């Protein structure tokens, strides 16, 4: 559902302030620091992210993007030619 005035989505907790405080989580004291992550876990996460990113980069460009890029290149060359 959408709020007609702002266009923002709202749910059952709308207006109660509960959603805002839940999204932020409990306030941590300023002097409390996060615990350091285990270096092995850090390396594993990094390797998995790199593998996922490499898969995305090696995926073929969707045909629709190729068509849009060709149309853009044609319009740009047309604009340069008519200037």
PDB file of N, CA and C in Angstrom:
ATOM      1  N   UNK A   1       0.840  -1.196   0.000  1.00  0.00           N
ATOM      2  CA  UNK A   1       0.000   0.000   0.000  1.00  0.00           C
ATOM      3  C   UNK A   1       0.873   1.244   0.000  1.00  0.00           C
ATOM      4  N   UNK A   2       0.316   2.334  -0.468  1.00  0.00           N
ATOM      5  CA  UNK A   2       1.063   3.587  -0.512  1.00  0.00           C
ATOM      6  C   UNK A   2       0.277   4.673   0.192  1.00  0.00           C
ATOM      7  N   UNK A   3       1.001   5.587   0.816  1.00  0.00           N
ATOM      8  CA  UNK A   3       0.427   6.762   1.440  1.00  0.00           C
ATOM      9  C   UNK A   3       0.176   7.769   0.321  1.00  0.00           C
ATOM     10  N   UNK A   4      -1.057   8.233   0.168  1.00  0.00           N
ATOM     11  CA  UNK A   4      -1.394   9.132  -0.930  1.00  0.00           C
ATOM     12  C   UNK A   4      -0.632  10.449  -0.887  1.00  0.00           C
ATOM     13  N   UNK A   5      -0.294  10.944   0.289  1.00  0.00           N
ATOM     14  CA  UNK A   5       0.366  12.246   0.401  1.00  0.00           C
ATOM     15  C   UNK A   5       1.837  12.186   0.038  1.00  0.00           C
ATOM     16  N   UNK A   6       2.575  11.187   0.557  1.00  0.00           N
ATOM     17  CA  UNK A   6       4.021  11.147   0.338  1.00  0.00           C
ATOM     18  C   UNK A   6       4.436  10.135  -0.704  1.00  0.00           C
ATOM     19  N   UNK A   7       3.582   9.170  -1.022  1.00  0.00           N
ATOM     20  CA  UNK A   7       3.942   8.122  -1.954  1.00  0.00           C
ATOM     21  C   UNK A   7       4.783   7.038  -1.303  1.00  0.00           C
ATOM     22  N   UNK A   8       5.052   7.147  -0.014  1.00  0.00           N
ATOM     23  CA  UNK A   8       5.891   6.176   0.679  1.00  0.00           C
ATOM     24  C   UNK A   8       5.058   4.974   1.091  1.00  0.00           C
ATOM     25  N   UNK A   9       5.683   3.827   1.072  1.00  0.00           N
ATOM     26  CA  UNK A   9       5.006   2.614   1.516  1.00  0.00           C
ATOM     27  C   UNK A   9       4.893   2.644   3.029  1.00  0.00           C
ATOM     28  N   UNK A  10       3.839   2.037   3.531  1.00  0.00           N
ATOM     29  CA  UNK A  10       3.681   1.973   4.978  1.00  0.00           C
ATOM     30  C   UNK A  10       3.105   0.622   5.331  1.00  0.00           C
ATOM     31  N   UNK A  11       3.332   0.204   6.558  1.00  0.00           N
ATOM     32  CA  UNK A  11       2.844  -1.096   7.007  1.00  0.00           C
ATOM     33  C   UNK A  11       2.035  -0.935   8.265  1.00  0.00           C
ATOM     34  N   UNK A  12       1.800  -2.036   8.972  1.00  0.00           N
ATOM     35  CA  UNK A  12       0.958  -1.994  10.165  1.00  0.00           C
ATOM     36  C   UNK A  12       1.534  -1.144  11.288  1.00  0.00           C
ATOM     37  N   UNK A  13       2.862  -0.950  11.349  1.00  0.00           N
ATOM     38  CA  UNK A  13       3.458  -0.170  12.428  1.00  0.00           C
ATOM     39  C   UNK A  13       3.557   1.305  12.059  1.00  0.00           C
ATOM     40  N   UNK A  14       2.961   1.705  10.954  1.00  0.00           N
ATOM     41  CA  UNK A  14       3.073   3.083  10.489  1.00  0.00           C
ATOM     42  C   UNK A  14       2.528   4.057  11.515  1.00  0.00           C
ATOM     43  N   UNK A  15       3.305   5.068  11.805  1.00  0.00           N
ATOM     44  CA  UNK A  15       2.855   6.110  12.710  1.00  0.00           C
ATOM     45  C   UNK A  15       3.114   5.802  14.169  1.00  0.00           C
ATOM     46  N   UNK A  16       3.506   4.571  14.485  1.00  0.00           N
ATOM     47  CA  UNK A  16       3.709   4.231  15.885  1.00  0.00           C
ATOM     48  C   UNK A  16       5.119   4.511  16.361  1.00  0.00           C
ATOM     49  N   UNK A  17       6.048   4.698  15.415  1.00  0.00           N
ATOM     50  CA  UNK A  17       7.428   4.936  15.788  1.00  0.00           C
ATOM     51  C   UNK A  17       8.188   3.647  16.029  1.00  0.00           C
ATOM     52  N   UNK A  18       7.482   2.520  16.074  1.00  0.00           N
ATOM     53  CA  UNK A  18       8.132   1.245  16.322  1.00  0.00           C
ATOM     54  C   UNK A  18       9.038   0.844  15.169  1.00  0.00           C
ATOM     55  N   UNK A  19       8.638   1.088  13.938  1.00  0.00           N
ATOM     56  CA  UNK A  19       9.436   0.697  12.786  1.00  0.00           C
ATOM     57  C   UNK A  19      10.749   1.465  12.766  1.00  0.00           C
ATOM     58  N   UNK A  20      10.713   2.745  13.119  1.00  0.00           N
ATOM     59  CA  UNK A  20      11.928   3.554  13.105  1.00  0.00           C
ATOM     60  C   UNK A  20      12.934   3.058  14.134  1.00  0.00           C
ATOM     61  N   UNK A  21      12.498   2.791  15.350  1.00  0.00           N
ATOM     62  CA  UNK A  21      13.432   2.361  16.380  1.00  0.00           C
ATOM     63  C   UNK A  21      13.920   0.944  16.113  1.00  0.00           C
ATOM     64  N   UNK A  22      13.106   0.103  15.528  1.00  0.00           N
ATOM     65  CA  UNK A  22      13.519  -1.260  15.229  1.00  0.00           C
ATOM     66  C   UNK A  22      14.555  -1.276  14.120  1.00  0.00           C
ATOM     67  N   UNK A  23      14.445  -0.381  13.162  1.00  0.00           N
ATOM     68  CA  UNK A  23      15.387  -0.342  12.056  1.00  0.00           C
ATOM     69  C   UNK A  23      16.765   0.105  12.523  1.00  0.00           C
ATOM     70  N   UNK A  24      16.816   0.981  13.489  1.00  0.00           N
ATOM     71  CA  UNK A  24      18.092   1.486  13.982  1.00  0.00           C
ATOM     72  C   UNK A  24      18.754   0.523  14.945  1.00  0.00           C
ATOM     73  N   UNK A  25      17.981  -0.289  15.619  1.00  0.00           N
ATOM     74  CA  UNK A  25      18.521  -1.223  16.590  1.00  0.00           C
ATOM     75  C   UNK A  25      18.804  -0.518  17.904  1.00  0.00           C
ATOM     76  N   UNK A  26      19.269  -1.283  18.885  1.00  0.00           N
ATOM     77  CA  UNK A  26      19.562  -0.676  20.179  1.00  0.00           C
ATOM     78  C   UNK A  26      20.779   0.238  20.086  1.00  0.00           C
ATOM     79  N   UNK A  27      20.735   1.307  20.840  1.00  0.00           N
ATOM     80  CA  UNK A  27      21.844   2.257  20.839  1.00  0.00           C
ATOM     81  C   UNK A  27      23.008   1.661  21.619  1.00  0.00           C
ATOM     82  N   UNK A  28      24.208   1.718  21.016  1.00  0.00           N
ATOM     83  CA  UNK A  28      25.404   1.199  21.667  1.00  0.00           C
ATOM     84  C   UNK A  28      26.141   2.348  22.334  1.00  0.00           C
ATOM     85  N   UNK A  29      26.754   2.086  23.486  1.00  0.00           N
ATOM     86  CA  UNK A  29      27.556   3.132  24.125  1.00  0.00           C
ATOM     87  C   UNK A  29      28.703   3.541  23.203  1.00  0.00           C
ATOM     88  N   UNK A  30      29.089   4.808  23.255  1.00  0.00           N
ATOM     89  CA  UNK A  30      30.120   5.334  22.366  1.00  0.00           C
ATOM     90  C   UNK A  30      31.461   4.633  22.553  1.00  0.00           C
ATOM     91  N   UNK A  31      31.793   4.207  23.763  1.00  0.00           N
ATOM     92  CA  UNK A  31      33.096   3.607  23.993  1.00  0.00           C
ATOM     93  C   UNK A  31      33.148   2.129  23.615  1.00  0.00           C
ATOM     94  N   UNK A  32      32.010   1.508  23.325  1.00  0.00           N
ATOM     95  CA  UNK A  32      31.971   0.098  22.969  1.00  0.00           C
ATOM     96  C   UNK A  32      32.327  -0.062  21.490  1.00  0.00           C
ATOM     97  N   UNK A  33      33.355  -0.832  21.190  1.00  0.00           N
ATOM     98  CA  UNK A  33      33.792  -1.060  19.814  1.00  0.00           C
ATOM     99  C   UNK A  33      33.337  -2.444  19.362  1.00  0.00           C
ATOM    100  N   UNK A  34      33.241  -2.627  18.036  1.00  0.00           N
ATOM    101  CA  UNK A  34      32.877  -3.929  17.492  1.00  0.00           C
ATOM    102  C   UNK A  34      34.032  -4.894  17.673  1.00  0.00           C
ATOM    103  N   UNK A  35      33.705  -6.152  17.897  1.00  0.00           N
ATOM    104  CA  UNK A  35      34.734  -7.173  18.029  1.00  0.00           C
ATOM    105  C   UNK A  35      35.387  -7.402  16.672  1.00  0.00           C
ATOM    106  N   UNK A  36      36.702  -7.590  16.629  1.00  0.00           N
ATOM    107  CA  UNK A  36      37.367  -7.821  15.346  1.00  0.00           C
ATOM    108  C   UNK A  36      36.912  -9.154  14.743  1.00  0.00           C
ATOM    109  N   UNK A  37      36.856  -9.201  13.420  1.00  0.00           N
ATOM    110  CA  UNK A  37      36.425 -10.415  12.741  1.00  0.00           C
ATOM    111  C   UNK A  37      37.600 -11.384  12.639  1.00  0.00           C
ATOM    112  N   UNK A  38      37.317 -12.662  12.737  1.00  0.00           N
ATOM    113  CA  UNK A  38      38.334 -13.705  12.601  1.00  0.00           C
ATOM    114  C   UNK A  38      38.963 -13.589  11.214  1.00  0.00           C
ATOM    115  N   UNK A  39      40.284 -13.530  11.097  1.00  0.00           N
ATOM    116  CA  UNK A  39      40.942 -13.370   9.796  1.00  0.00           C
ATOM    117  C   UNK A  39      40.572 -14.465   8.793  1.00  0.00           C
ATOM    118  N   UNK A  40      40.339 -15.687   9.280  1.00  0.00           N
ATOM    119  CA  UNK A  40      39.940 -16.771   8.361  1.00  0.00           C
ATOM    120  C   UNK A  40      38.562 -16.509   7.787  1.00  0.00           C
ATOM    121  N   UNK A  41      37.659 -16.001   8.611  1.00  0.00           N
ATOM    122  CA  UNK A  41      36.317 -15.679   8.147  1.00  0.00           C
ATOM    123  C   UNK A  41      36.363 -14.500   7.176  1.00  0.00           C
ATOM    124  N   UNK A  42      37.196 -13.524   7.499  1.00  0.00           N
ATOM    125  CA  UNK A  42      37.375 -12.366   6.622  1.00  0.00           C
ATOM    126  C   UNK A  42      37.880 -12.814   5.248  1.00  0.00           C
ATOM    127  N   UNK A  43      38.848 -13.727   5.227  1.00  0.00           N
ATOM    128  CA  UNK A  43      39.408 -14.231   3.978  1.00  0.00           C
ATOM    129  C   UNK A  43      38.355 -15.028   3.204  1.00  0.00           C
ATOM    130  N   UNK A  44      37.579 -15.841   3.897  1.00  0.00           N
ATOM    131  CA  UNK A  44      36.534 -16.633   3.251  1.00  0.00           C
ATOM    132  C   UNK A  44      35.468 -15.736   2.630  1.00  0.00           C
ATOM    133  N   UNK A  45      35.037 -14.734   3.368  1.00  0.00           N
ATOM    134  CA  UNK A  45      34.044 -13.790   2.843  1.00  0.00           C
ATOM    135  C   UNK A  45      34.608 -13.067   1.623  1.00  0.00           C
ATOM    136  N   UNK A  46      35.856 -12.609   1.716  1.00  0.00           N
ATOM    137  CA  UNK A  46      36.487 -11.914   0.596  1.00  0.00           C
ATOM    138  C   UNK A  46      36.594 -12.792  -0.638  1.00  0.00           C
ATOM    139  N   UNK A  47      36.990 -14.052  -0.458  1.00  0.00           N
ATOM    140  CA  UNK A  47      37.119 -14.971  -1.590  1.00  0.00           C
ATOM    141  C   UNK A  47      35.766 -15.229  -2.237  1.00  0.00           C
ATOM    142  N   UNK A  48      34.734 -15.408  -1.413  1.00  0.00           N
ATOM    143  CA  UNK A  48      33.393 -15.649  -1.965  1.00  0.00           C
ATOM    144  C   UNK A  48      32.851 -14.419  -2.697  1.00  0.00           C
ATOM    145  N   UNK A  49      33.083 -13.243  -2.139  1.00  0.00           N
ATOM    146  CA  UNK A  49      32.646 -12.019  -2.815  1.00  0.00           C
ATOM    147  C   UNK A  49      33.367 -11.840  -4.141  1.00  0.00           C
ATOM    148  N   UNK A  50      34.673 -12.113  -4.162  1.00  0.00           N
ATOM    149  CA  UNK A  50      35.451 -11.985  -5.392  1.00  0.00           C
ATOM    150  C   UNK A  50      34.947 -12.965  -6.447  1.00  0.00           C
ATOM    151  N   UNK A  51      34.689 -14.212  -6.045  1.00  0.00           N
ATOM    152  CA  UNK A  51      34.180 -15.218  -6.983  1.00  0.00           C
ATOM    153  C   UNK A  51      32.832 -14.789  -7.554  1.00  0.00           C
ATOM    154  N   UNK A  52      31.956 -14.285  -6.696  1.00  0.00           N
ATOM    155  CA  UNK A  52      30.636 -13.832  -7.147  1.00  0.00           C
ATOM    156  C   UNK A  52      30.778 -12.648  -8.104  1.00  0.00           C
ATOM    157  N   UNK A  53      31.638 -11.705  -7.755  1.00  0.00           N
ATOM    158  CA  UNK A  53      31.857 -10.528  -8.597  1.00  0.00           C
ATOM    159  C   UNK A  53      32.459 -10.941  -9.937  1.00  0.00           C
ATOM    160  N   UNK A  54      33.412 -11.882  -9.937  1.00  0.00           N
ATOM    161  CA  UNK A  54      34.009 -12.363 -11.189  1.00  0.00           C
ATOM    162  C   UNK A  54      32.954 -13.016 -12.076  1.00  0.00           C
ATOM    163  N   UNK A  55      32.027 -13.769 -11.466  1.00  0.00           N
ATOM    164  CA  UNK A  55      30.938 -14.383 -12.240  1.00  0.00           C
ATOM    165  C   UNK A  55      30.072 -13.319 -12.908  1.00  0.00           C
ATOM    166  N   UNK A  56      29.774 -12.273 -12.173  1.00  0.00           N
ATOM    167  CA  UNK A  56      28.944 -11.194 -12.716  1.00  0.00           C
ATOM    168  C   UNK A  56      29.661 -10.502 -13.872  1.00  0.00           C
ATOM    169  N   UNK A  57      30.960 -10.235 -13.705  1.00  0.00           N
ATOM    170  CA  UNK A  57      31.722  -9.564 -14.752  1.00  0.00           C
ATOM    171  C   UNK A  57      31.866 -10.411 -16.013  1.00  0.00           C
ATOM    172  N   UNK A  58      31.911 -11.724 -15.850  1.00  0.00           N
ATOM    173  CA  UNK A  58      32.084 -12.598 -17.014  1.00  0.00           C
ATOM    174  C   UNK A  58      30.755 -12.942 -17.688  1.00  0.00           C
ATOM    175  N   UNK A  59      29.645 -12.592 -17.084  1.00  0.00           N
ATOM    176  CA  UNK A  59      28.332 -12.868 -17.679  1.00  0.00           C
ATOM    177  C   UNK A  59      28.150 -12.016 -18.935  1.00  0.00           C
ATOM    178  N   UNK A  60      27.505 -12.573 -19.945  1.00  0.00           N
ATOM    179  CA  UNK A  60      27.293 -11.796 -21.161  1.00  0.00           C
ATOM    180  C   UNK A  60      26.329 -10.641 -20.917  1.00  0.00           C
ATOM    181  N   UNK A  61      26.525  -9.593 -21.681  1.00  0.00           N
ATOM    182  CA  UNK A  61      25.657  -8.425 -21.598  1.00  0.00           C
ATOM    183  C   UNK A  61      24.306  -8.784 -22.208  1.00  0.00           C
ATOM    184  N   UNK A  62      23.199  -8.488 -21.538  1.00  0.00           N
ATOM    185  CA  UNK A  62      21.889  -8.808 -22.105  1.00  0.00           C
ATOM    186  C   UNK A  62      21.694  -8.125 -23.458  1.00  0.00           C
ATOM    187  N   UNK A  63      21.005  -8.821 -24.367  1.00  0.00           N
ATOM    188  CA  UNK A  63      20.779  -8.309 -25.718  1.00  0.00           C
ATOM    189  C   UNK A  63      20.153  -6.924 -25.708  1.00  0.00           C
ATOM    190  N   UNK A  64      19.230  -6.684 -24.802  1.00  0.00           N
ATOM    191  CA  UNK A  64      18.558  -5.376 -24.741  1.00  0.00           C
ATOM    192  C   UNK A  64      19.563  -4.266 -24.449  1.00  0.00           C
ATOM    193  N   UNK A  65      20.539  -4.532 -23.600  1.00  0.00           N
ATOM    194  CA  UNK A  65      21.568  -3.530 -23.313  1.00  0.00           C
ATOM    195  C   UNK A  65      22.423  -3.254 -24.540  1.00  0.00           C
ATOM    196  N   UNK A  66      22.747  -4.321 -25.293  1.00  0.00           N
ATOM    197  CA  UNK A  66      23.546  -4.155 -26.508  1.00  0.00           C
ATOM    198  C   UNK A  66      22.798  -3.262 -27.493  1.00  0.00           C
ATOM    199  N   UNK A  67      21.505  -3.498 -27.643  1.00  0.00           N
ATOM    200  CA  UNK A  67      20.688  -2.693 -28.549  1.00  0.00           C
ATOM    201  C   UNK A  67      20.646  -1.241 -28.071  1.00  0.00           C
ATOM    202  N   UNK A  68      20.422  -1.022 -26.786  1.00  0.00           N
ATOM    203  CA  UNK A  68      20.364   0.338 -26.243  1.00  0.00           C
ATOM    204  C   UNK A  68      21.696   1.059 -26.412  1.00  0.00           C
ATOM    205  N   UNK A  69      22.810   0.362 -26.189  1.00  0.00           N
ATOM    206  CA  UNK A  69      24.120   0.979 -26.362  1.00  0.00           C
ATOM    207  C   UNK A  69      24.375   1.340 -27.822  1.00  0.00           C
ATOM    208  N   UNK A  70      23.940   0.489 -28.745  1.00  0.00           N
ATOM    209  CA  UNK A  70      24.099   0.780 -30.175  1.00  0.00           C
ATOM    210  C   UNK A  70      23.262   1.999 -30.566  1.00  0.00           C
ATOM    211  N   UNK A  71      22.041   2.078 -30.043  1.00  0.00           N
ATOM    212  CA  UNK A  71      21.183   3.244 -30.330  1.00  0.00           C
ATOM    213  C   UNK A  71      21.803   4.523 -29.773  1.00  0.00           C
ATOM    214  N   UNK A  72      22.353   4.449 -28.582  1.00  0.00           N
ATOM    215  CA  UNK A  72      22.991   5.610 -27.975  1.00  0.00           C
ATOM    216  C   UNK A  72      24.207   6.047 -28.790  1.00  0.00           C
ATOM    217  N   UNK A  73      25.017   5.101 -29.209  1.00  0.00           N
ATOM    218  CA  UNK A  73      26.194   5.425 -30.016  1.00  0.00           C
ATOM    219  C   UNK A  73      25.782   6.074 -31.333  1.00  0.00           C
ATOM    220  N   UNK A  74      24.709   5.558 -31.947  1.00  0.00           N
ATOM    221  CA  UNK A  74      24.231   6.124 -33.211  1.00  0.00           C
ATOM    222  C   UNK A  74      23.740   7.566 -33.004  1.00  0.00           C
ATOM    223  N   UNK A  75      23.002   7.810 -31.930  1.00  0.00           N
ATOM    224  CA  UNK A  75      22.523   9.169 -31.647  1.00  0.00           C
ATOM    225  C   UNK A  75      23.665  10.120 -31.357  1.00  0.00           C
ATOM    226  N   UNK A  76      24.677   9.649 -30.637  1.00  0.00           N
ATOM    227  CA  UNK A  76      25.833  10.503 -30.334  1.00  0.00           C
ATOM    228  C   UNK A  76      26.610  10.839 -31.593  1.00  0.00           C
ATOM    229  N   UNK A  77      26.790   9.871 -32.471  1.00  0.00           N
ATOM    230  CA  UNK A  77      27.520  10.153 -33.705  1.00  0.00           C
ATOM    231  C   UNK A  77      26.712  11.062 -34.623  1.00  0.00           C
ATOM    232  N   UNK A  78      25.410  10.915 -34.594  1.00  0.00           N
ATOM    233  CA  UNK A  78      24.524  11.810 -35.355  1.00  0.00           C
ATOM    234  C   UNK A  78      24.619  13.231 -34.834  1.00  0.00           C
ATOM    235  N   UNK A  79      24.640  13.380 -33.518  1.00  0.00           N
ATOM    236  CA  UNK A  79      24.714  14.699 -32.909  1.00  0.00           C
ATOM    237  C   UNK A  79      26.056  15.353 -33.231  1.00  0.00           C
ATOM    238  N   UNK A  80      27.130  14.603 -33.257  1.00  0.00           N
ATOM    239  CA  UNK A  80      28.450  15.145 -33.595  1.00  0.00           C
ATOM    240  C   UNK A  80      28.498  15.546 -35.065  1.00  0.00           C
ATOM    241  N   UNK A  81      27.836  14.770 -35.914  1.00  0.00           N
ATOM    242  CA  UNK A  81      27.840  15.047 -37.341  1.00  0.00           C
ATOM    243  C   UNK A  81      27.013  16.261 -37.721  1.00  0.00           C
ATOM    244  N   UNK A  82      25.968  16.542 -36.970  1.00  0.00           N
ATOM    245  CA  UNK A  82      25.094  17.671 -37.302  1.00  0.00           C
ATOM    246  C   UNK A  82      25.504  18.969 -36.610  1.00  0.00           C
ATOM    247  N   UNK A  83      26.503  18.921 -35.731  1.00  0.00           N
ATOM    248  CA  UNK A  83      26.938  20.119 -35.004  1.00  0.00           C
ATOM    249  C   UNK A  83      27.848  20.976 -35.827  1.00  0.00           C
TER     250      UNK A  83
END
